[in-house]
Amino acid sequence: MKKIFLILPFAAMLCSCFYSVTEITSEDSINQSLRTIEEYPDGYRLVNFAKTHPVRIEYADTAGICHHFNLKDPRNRTIFIPEEYRASDKILAMGVYRALQIYRMYVQSGLGEMVSEEEEISMLRQMQLGVMLGITKEEFDKVPKAVEMKDEFCTYILENSEEALAKTRLTAQTPNQACQRPLDNIVKQGFWIKDMKKSISKNEFHQLMQYRDKKRVAQGAMTDSEAAANSARLMALPEYETARYERLFFDIKKSNFDYFKQLYLKEVFLDRDFRREYAKQIYEMSTDFAECDLENLKTK
């Protein structure tokens, strides 16, 4: 009997390990991409973050060869990946990796909405994974609709990270409803925080929040009912609670903003280190991607 009790905890732990991978997705191919990701630096921590901050990863059934997110309900968060990626294990791994990077930044930053810098940082990480995977032109040929990813990779390999960042930034800030764009950027977030500080001193905090929620509704990041609920919640606060809430809200947003600025700079420096470490591989890969149309890759 004692032996059985000793075995049971180990068996339970073993089962939980196997289950924790499969519970993220119902798709075997996405499961395999998660295992691939776990083999690379930061990959295990990234997948583990998705387990400890539960999110589903499924194939999208909507138009748009891009990832998109449903994160409004913390109890039912889902990341959608283009089904076309299924045609290449490596392209799929890169797509899932990037989406998980964005998800982790979204949760950790506390900004409450996605910004273009999350796309930029995740793009750098995605390109690094592509280099480590030894991605080839033939892999992209299997997924002809993965044009954005291929363009970014060509730019990263044949030009430099700065050009690739500029390309991603332009894409993120160009309207595309199917891909939940355009996205705000950190500069606009900074202006909003300054406006928030002024509105608190002028007793106009509620009006500013209403204006911002209306803007988010127009962008598709929030529903009319959610905006109305936010407004009603603010209006219902007692006067003495309103001032405390305004100050707390400002402090949190300012802290989130400062954290994200530092994170962005850190990732840019880490990418420089990566390019130095993998300089030989990047040079060798540039031969395979030499036929990329660089003129069209240039950011306008």
Protein backbone atom coordinates (compact mmCIF):
# COMPACT_ATOMS: atom_id res chain seq x y z
CA MET A 1 0.00 0.00 0.00
CA LYS A 2 2.83 2.38 0.87
CA LYS A 3 4.40 1.80 -2.56
CA ILE A 4 1.13 2.72 -4.24
CA PHE A 5 0.99 6.03 -2.37
CA LEU A 6 4.56 6.77 -3.41
CA ILE A 7 3.81 6.04 -7.06
CA LEU A 8 0.55 8.01 -7.26
CA PRO A 9 2.06 11.54 -6.79
CA PHE A 10 4.71 10.77 -9.42
CA ALA A 11 2.09 9.45 -11.85
CA ALA A 12 -0.08 12.50 -11.28
CA MET A 13 2.87 14.80 -11.91
CA LEU A 14 3.78 12.90 -15.07
CA CYS A 15 0.21 13.10 -16.39
CA SER A 16 0.00 16.81 -15.64
CA CYS A 17 3.16 17.40 -17.66
CA PHE A 18 1.71 15.70 -20.72
CA TYR A 19 -1.69 17.31 -20.26
CA SER A 20 -0.32 20.81 -19.78
CA VAL A 21 1.02 20.85 -23.36
CA THR A 22 -2.12 19.46 -24.98
CA GLU A 23 -4.52 21.75 -23.09
CA ILE A 24 -3.18 24.83 -24.92
CA THR A 25 -4.56 23.66 -28.26
CA SER A 26 -6.74 21.02 -29.86
CA GLU A 27 -4.47 20.83 -32.92
CA ASP A 28 -1.70 18.22 -33.14
CA SER A 29 0.32 20.37 -35.56
CA ILE A 30 0.25 23.36 -33.17
CA ASN A 31 1.20 21.00 -30.33
CA GLN A 32 4.23 19.92 -32.35
CA SER A 33 5.19 23.55 -32.96
CA LEU A 34 5.09 24.16 -29.19
CA ARG A 35 7.50 21.27 -28.67
CA THR A 36 9.79 22.72 -31.36
CA ILE A 37 9.68 26.13 -29.67
CA GLU A 38 10.58 24.60 -26.30
CA GLU A 39 13.89 23.39 -27.75
CA TYR A 40 15.17 26.93 -28.29
CA PRO A 41 16.30 29.73 -25.91
CA ASP A 42 13.36 31.27 -24.04
CA GLY A 43 11.03 28.77 -25.71
CA TYR A 44 10.36 26.67 -22.62
CA ARG A 45 9.61 29.77 -20.51
CA LEU A 46 7.38 31.14 -23.26
CA VAL A 47 5.27 27.98 -23.54
CA ASN A 48 5.15 27.68 -19.75
CA PHE A 49 3.85 31.26 -19.57
CA ALA A 50 0.97 30.25 -21.85
CA LYS A 51 0.17 27.43 -19.41
CA THR A 52 0.34 29.52 -16.24
CA HIS A 53 -1.57 32.42 -17.87
CA PRO A 54 -4.07 30.22 -19.73
CA VAL A 55 -4.61 30.90 -23.39
CA ARG A 56 -5.82 28.72 -26.26
CA ILE A 57 -4.04 28.59 -29.62
CA GLU A 58 -6.23 27.58 -32.55
CA TYR A 59 -6.35 27.99 -36.31
CA ALA A 60 -8.31 31.01 -37.52
CA ASP A 61 -11.49 30.52 -39.53
CA THR A 62 -11.56 34.14 -40.71
CA ALA A 63 -9.89 36.03 -43.54
CA GLY A 64 -6.42 37.51 -43.18
CA ILE A 65 -3.05 35.76 -43.28
CA CYS A 66 -2.09 37.08 -39.85
CA HIS A 67 -2.43 36.22 -36.19
CA HIS A 68 -5.19 37.83 -34.17
CA PHE A 69 -6.33 37.69 -30.58
CA ASN A 70 -9.42 37.42 -28.41
CA LEU A 71 -8.18 38.47 -24.96
CA LYS A 72 -11.09 40.46 -23.55
CA ASP A 73 -12.24 37.70 -21.21
CA PRO A 74 -9.28 36.58 -19.00
CA ARG A 75 -11.04 33.24 -18.49
CA ASN A 76 -11.37 32.53 -22.20
CA ARG A 77 -8.38 33.94 -24.06
CA THR A 78 -7.59 32.68 -27.55
CA ILE A 79 -4.80 33.25 -30.08
CA PHE A 80 -5.71 32.56 -33.70
CA ILE A 81 -3.05 31.43 -36.19
CA PRO A 82 -3.52 31.34 -40.00
CA GLU A 83 -4.35 27.78 -41.04
CA GLU A 84 -2.15 28.19 -44.12
CA TYR A 85 0.88 27.91 -41.78
CA ARG A 86 0.01 24.23 -41.32
CA ALA A 87 1.76 23.49 -44.63
CA SER A 88 5.21 24.08 -43.09
CA ASP A 89 6.26 22.93 -39.61
CA LYS A 90 8.90 25.66 -39.40
CA ILE A 91 6.66 28.49 -40.62
CA LEU A 92 4.02 27.34 -38.14
CA ALA A 93 6.54 27.31 -35.28
CA MET A 94 7.64 30.84 -36.20
CA GLY A 95 4.01 32.02 -36.36
CA VAL A 96 3.07 30.50 -33.00
CA TYR A 97 6.30 31.79 -31.43
CA ARG A 98 5.59 35.36 -32.49
CA ALA A 99 1.97 35.28 -31.32
CA LEU A 100 3.02 33.92 -27.92
CA GLN A 101 5.66 36.64 -27.60
CA ILE A 102 2.96 39.27 -28.18
CA TYR A 103 0.64 37.59 -25.70
CA ARG A 104 3.31 37.51 -22.98
CA MET A 105 4.14 41.20 -23.50
CA TYR A 106 0.45 42.10 -23.48
CA VAL A 107 -0.04 40.40 -20.10
CA GLN A 108 3.21 41.57 -18.51
CA SER A 109 3.09 45.18 -19.70
CA GLY A 110 -0.36 45.82 -18.26
CA LEU A 111 -1.05 48.42 -20.95
CA GLY A 112 -4.48 46.90 -21.54
CA GLU A 113 -4.21 47.09 -25.30
CA MET A 114 -1.77 46.03 -27.98
CA VAL A 115 0.76 48.45 -29.41
CA SER A 116 2.89 48.30 -32.54
CA GLU A 117 6.07 47.91 -30.48
CA GLU A 118 4.83 44.47 -29.39
CA GLU A 119 4.67 43.49 -33.05
CA GLU A 120 8.18 44.90 -33.57
CA ILE A 121 9.78 43.07 -30.63
CA SER A 122 8.00 39.82 -31.48
CA MET A 123 9.14 40.16 -35.09
CA LEU A 124 12.78 40.34 -33.95
CA ARG A 125 12.29 37.23 -31.82
CA GLN A 126 10.53 35.49 -34.72
CA MET A 127 13.38 36.29 -37.12
CA GLN A 128 15.91 34.98 -34.59
CA LEU A 129 13.98 31.72 -34.33
CA GLY A 130 13.93 31.50 -38.13
CA VAL A 131 17.72 31.79 -38.19
CA MET A 132 18.11 29.13 -35.49
CA LEU A 133 15.67 26.84 -37.31
CA GLY A 134 17.66 27.31 -40.53
CA ILE A 135 14.54 28.39 -42.44
CA THR A 136 14.87 28.15 -46.22
CA LYS A 137 13.18 29.71 -49.22
CA GLU A 138 11.56 26.32 -49.90
CA GLU A 139 9.72 26.51 -46.57
CA PHE A 140 8.19 29.85 -47.54
CA ASP A 141 7.27 28.39 -50.94
CA LYS A 142 5.03 25.91 -49.07
CA VAL A 143 3.05 28.85 -47.63
CA PRO A 144 2.80 31.35 -50.52
CA LYS A 145 0.39 33.58 -48.57
CA ALA A 146 2.93 34.17 -45.77
CA VAL A 147 4.11 37.26 -47.65
CA GLU A 148 4.54 39.54 -44.62
CA MET A 149 6.66 37.01 -42.74
CA LYS A 150 8.84 36.33 -45.79
CA ASP A 151 9.30 40.05 -46.50
CA GLU A 152 10.33 40.69 -42.91
CA PHE A 153 12.74 37.74 -42.96
CA CYS A 154 14.29 38.83 -46.27
CA THR A 155 14.74 42.34 -44.87
CA TYR A 156 16.22 41.00 -41.63
CA ILE A 157 18.68 38.74 -43.48
CA LEU A 158 19.61 40.90 -46.49
CA GLU A 159 19.32 44.38 -44.96
CA ASN A 160 19.32 44.85 -41.19
CA SER A 161 17.12 44.83 -38.10
CA GLU A 162 16.34 48.55 -38.32
CA GLU A 163 14.79 48.15 -41.79
CA ALA A 164 12.83 45.10 -40.60
CA LEU A 165 11.55 47.04 -37.56
CA ALA A 166 10.47 49.94 -39.78
CA LYS A 167 8.62 47.54 -42.11
CA THR A 168 6.80 45.89 -39.19
CA ARG A 169 5.94 49.27 -37.68
CA LEU A 170 4.42 50.47 -40.95
CA THR A 171 2.37 47.27 -41.30
CA ALA A 172 1.13 47.45 -37.69
CA GLN A 173 -0.03 51.04 -38.12
CA THR A 174 -1.76 50.47 -41.48
CA PRO A 175 -5.53 49.78 -41.24
CA ASN A 176 -6.46 46.12 -41.68
CA GLN A 177 -9.58 45.12 -39.77
CA ALA A 178 -9.09 41.37 -40.26
CA CYS A 179 -5.68 41.66 -38.54
CA GLN A 180 -6.89 44.05 -35.77
CA ARG A 181 -4.92 46.99 -37.15
CA PRO A 182 -4.01 49.81 -36.93
CA LEU A 183 -2.28 49.63 -33.56
CA ASP A 184 -1.31 52.54 -31.37
CA ASN A 185 2.34 53.03 -30.49
CA ILE A 186 4.23 53.91 -27.33
CA VAL A 187 4.63 57.55 -28.39
CA LYS A 188 0.83 57.93 -28.51
CA GLN A 189 0.59 56.11 -25.17
CA GLY A 190 3.01 58.67 -23.74
CA PHE A 191 0.89 61.57 -25.01
CA TRP A 192 -2.20 59.94 -23.52
CA ILE A 193 -0.53 59.63 -20.12
CA LYS A 194 0.35 63.34 -20.24
CA ASP A 195 -3.25 64.15 -21.17
CA MET A 196 -4.42 61.96 -18.31
CA LYS A 197 -2.32 63.92 -15.81
CA LYS A 198 -3.77 67.20 -17.10
CA SER A 199 -7.34 65.87 -17.06
CA ILE A 200 -7.02 64.82 -13.42
CA SER A 201 -5.93 68.33 -12.40
CA LYS A 202 -8.78 69.84 -14.45
CA ASN A 203 -11.45 67.41 -13.22
CA GLU A 204 -11.88 66.06 -16.76
CA PHE A 205 -10.71 62.48 -16.23
CA HIS A 206 -14.13 60.96 -17.00
CA GLN A 207 -14.41 62.86 -20.30
CA LEU A 208 -10.90 61.74 -21.34
CA MET A 209 -11.72 58.10 -20.59
CA GLN A 210 -14.95 58.36 -22.58
CA TYR A 211 -13.08 59.83 -25.55
CA ARG A 212 -10.44 57.09 -25.40
CA ASP A 213 -13.03 54.31 -25.16
CA LYS A 214 -14.91 55.71 -28.16
CA LYS A 215 -11.66 55.63 -30.12
CA ARG A 216 -11.06 52.00 -29.09
CA VAL A 217 -14.62 51.12 -30.18
CA ALA A 218 -13.95 52.68 -33.58
CA GLN A 219 -10.78 50.56 -33.90
CA GLY A 220 -12.65 47.39 -32.95
CA ALA A 221 -10.67 46.93 -29.71
CA MET A 222 -13.77 47.40 -27.55
CA THR A 223 -17.54 47.06 -27.93
CA ASP A 224 -20.08 49.83 -27.36
CA SER A 225 -21.48 47.96 -24.36
CA GLU A 226 -18.02 47.67 -22.78
CA ALA A 227 -17.41 51.39 -23.26
CA ALA A 228 -20.81 52.20 -21.72
CA ALA A 229 -20.06 49.90 -18.76
CA ASN A 230 -16.73 51.64 -18.17
CA SER A 231 -18.40 55.05 -18.21
CA ALA A 232 -21.17 53.93 -15.83
CA ARG A 233 -18.61 52.44 -13.45
CA LEU A 234 -16.71 55.73 -13.26
CA MET A 235 -19.87 57.77 -12.83
CA ALA A 236 -21.00 55.52 -9.96
CA LEU A 237 -17.85 56.12 -7.89
CA PRO A 238 -18.32 58.34 -4.80
CA GLU A 239 -16.43 61.63 -5.03
CA TYR A 240 -13.80 60.65 -2.46
CA GLU A 241 -13.23 57.34 -4.32
CA THR A 242 -12.95 59.06 -7.72
CA ALA A 243 -9.82 61.02 -6.80
CA ARG A 244 -8.12 57.91 -5.40
CA TYR A 245 -9.06 55.86 -8.46
CA GLU A 246 -7.77 58.54 -10.85
CA ARG A 247 -4.41 58.75 -9.09
CA LEU A 248 -4.05 54.96 -8.87
CA PHE A 249 -5.01 54.52 -12.53
CA PHE A 250 -2.44 57.14 -13.59
CA ASP A 251 0.34 55.61 -11.48
CA ILE A 252 -0.30 52.14 -12.89
CA LYS A 253 -0.39 53.33 -16.51
CA LYS A 254 2.76 55.41 -16.02
CA SER A 255 4.54 52.38 -14.53
CA ASN A 256 3.36 50.15 -17.41
CA PHE A 257 4.55 52.73 -19.94
CA ASP A 258 8.03 53.03 -18.36
CA TYR A 259 8.37 49.23 -18.18
CA PHE A 260 7.55 48.81 -21.85
CA LYS A 261 10.00 51.50 -23.01
CA GLN A 262 12.80 49.74 -21.14
CA LEU A 263 11.75 46.36 -22.53
CA TYR A 264 11.87 47.67 -26.09
CA LEU A 265 15.40 49.05 -25.72
CA LYS A 266 16.54 45.82 -24.07
CA GLU A 267 15.22 43.69 -26.96
CA VAL A 268 16.92 45.89 -29.57
CA PHE A 269 20.27 45.45 -27.79
CA LEU A 270 19.70 41.68 -27.41
CA ASP A 271 19.05 41.45 -31.15
CA ARG A 272 22.40 43.13 -31.85
CA ASP A 273 24.09 40.49 -29.70
CA PHE A 274 22.19 37.77 -31.57
CA ARG A 275 23.27 39.08 -34.98
CA ARG A 276 26.90 39.08 -33.85
CA GLU A 277 26.64 35.51 -32.51
CA TYR A 278 24.88 34.19 -35.62
CA ALA A 279 26.68 36.37 -38.20
CA LYS A 280 28.00 33.35 -40.10
CA GLN A 281 24.59 31.65 -40.35
CA ILE A 282 22.91 34.91 -41.40
CA TYR A 283 25.50 35.43 -44.13
CA GLU A 284 25.07 31.86 -45.39
CA MET A 285 21.27 32.19 -45.39
CA SER A 286 21.47 35.41 -47.39
CA THR A 287 22.53 33.33 -50.41
CA ASP A 288 19.32 31.30 -50.27
CA PHE A 289 17.22 34.47 -50.07
CA ALA A 290 19.25 36.49 -52.58
CA GLU A 291 16.33 36.55 -55.03
CA CYS A 292 14.12 38.58 -52.68
CA ASP A 293 12.94 41.78 -54.32
CA LEU A 294 14.83 44.28 -52.16
CA GLU A 295 13.36 47.32 -53.88
CA ASN A 296 9.88 46.25 -52.81
CA LEU A 297 11.19 45.35 -49.35
CA LYS A 298 12.39 48.88 -48.72
CA THR A 299 10.14 50.77 -46.32
CA LYS A 300 8.51 53.66 -48.10
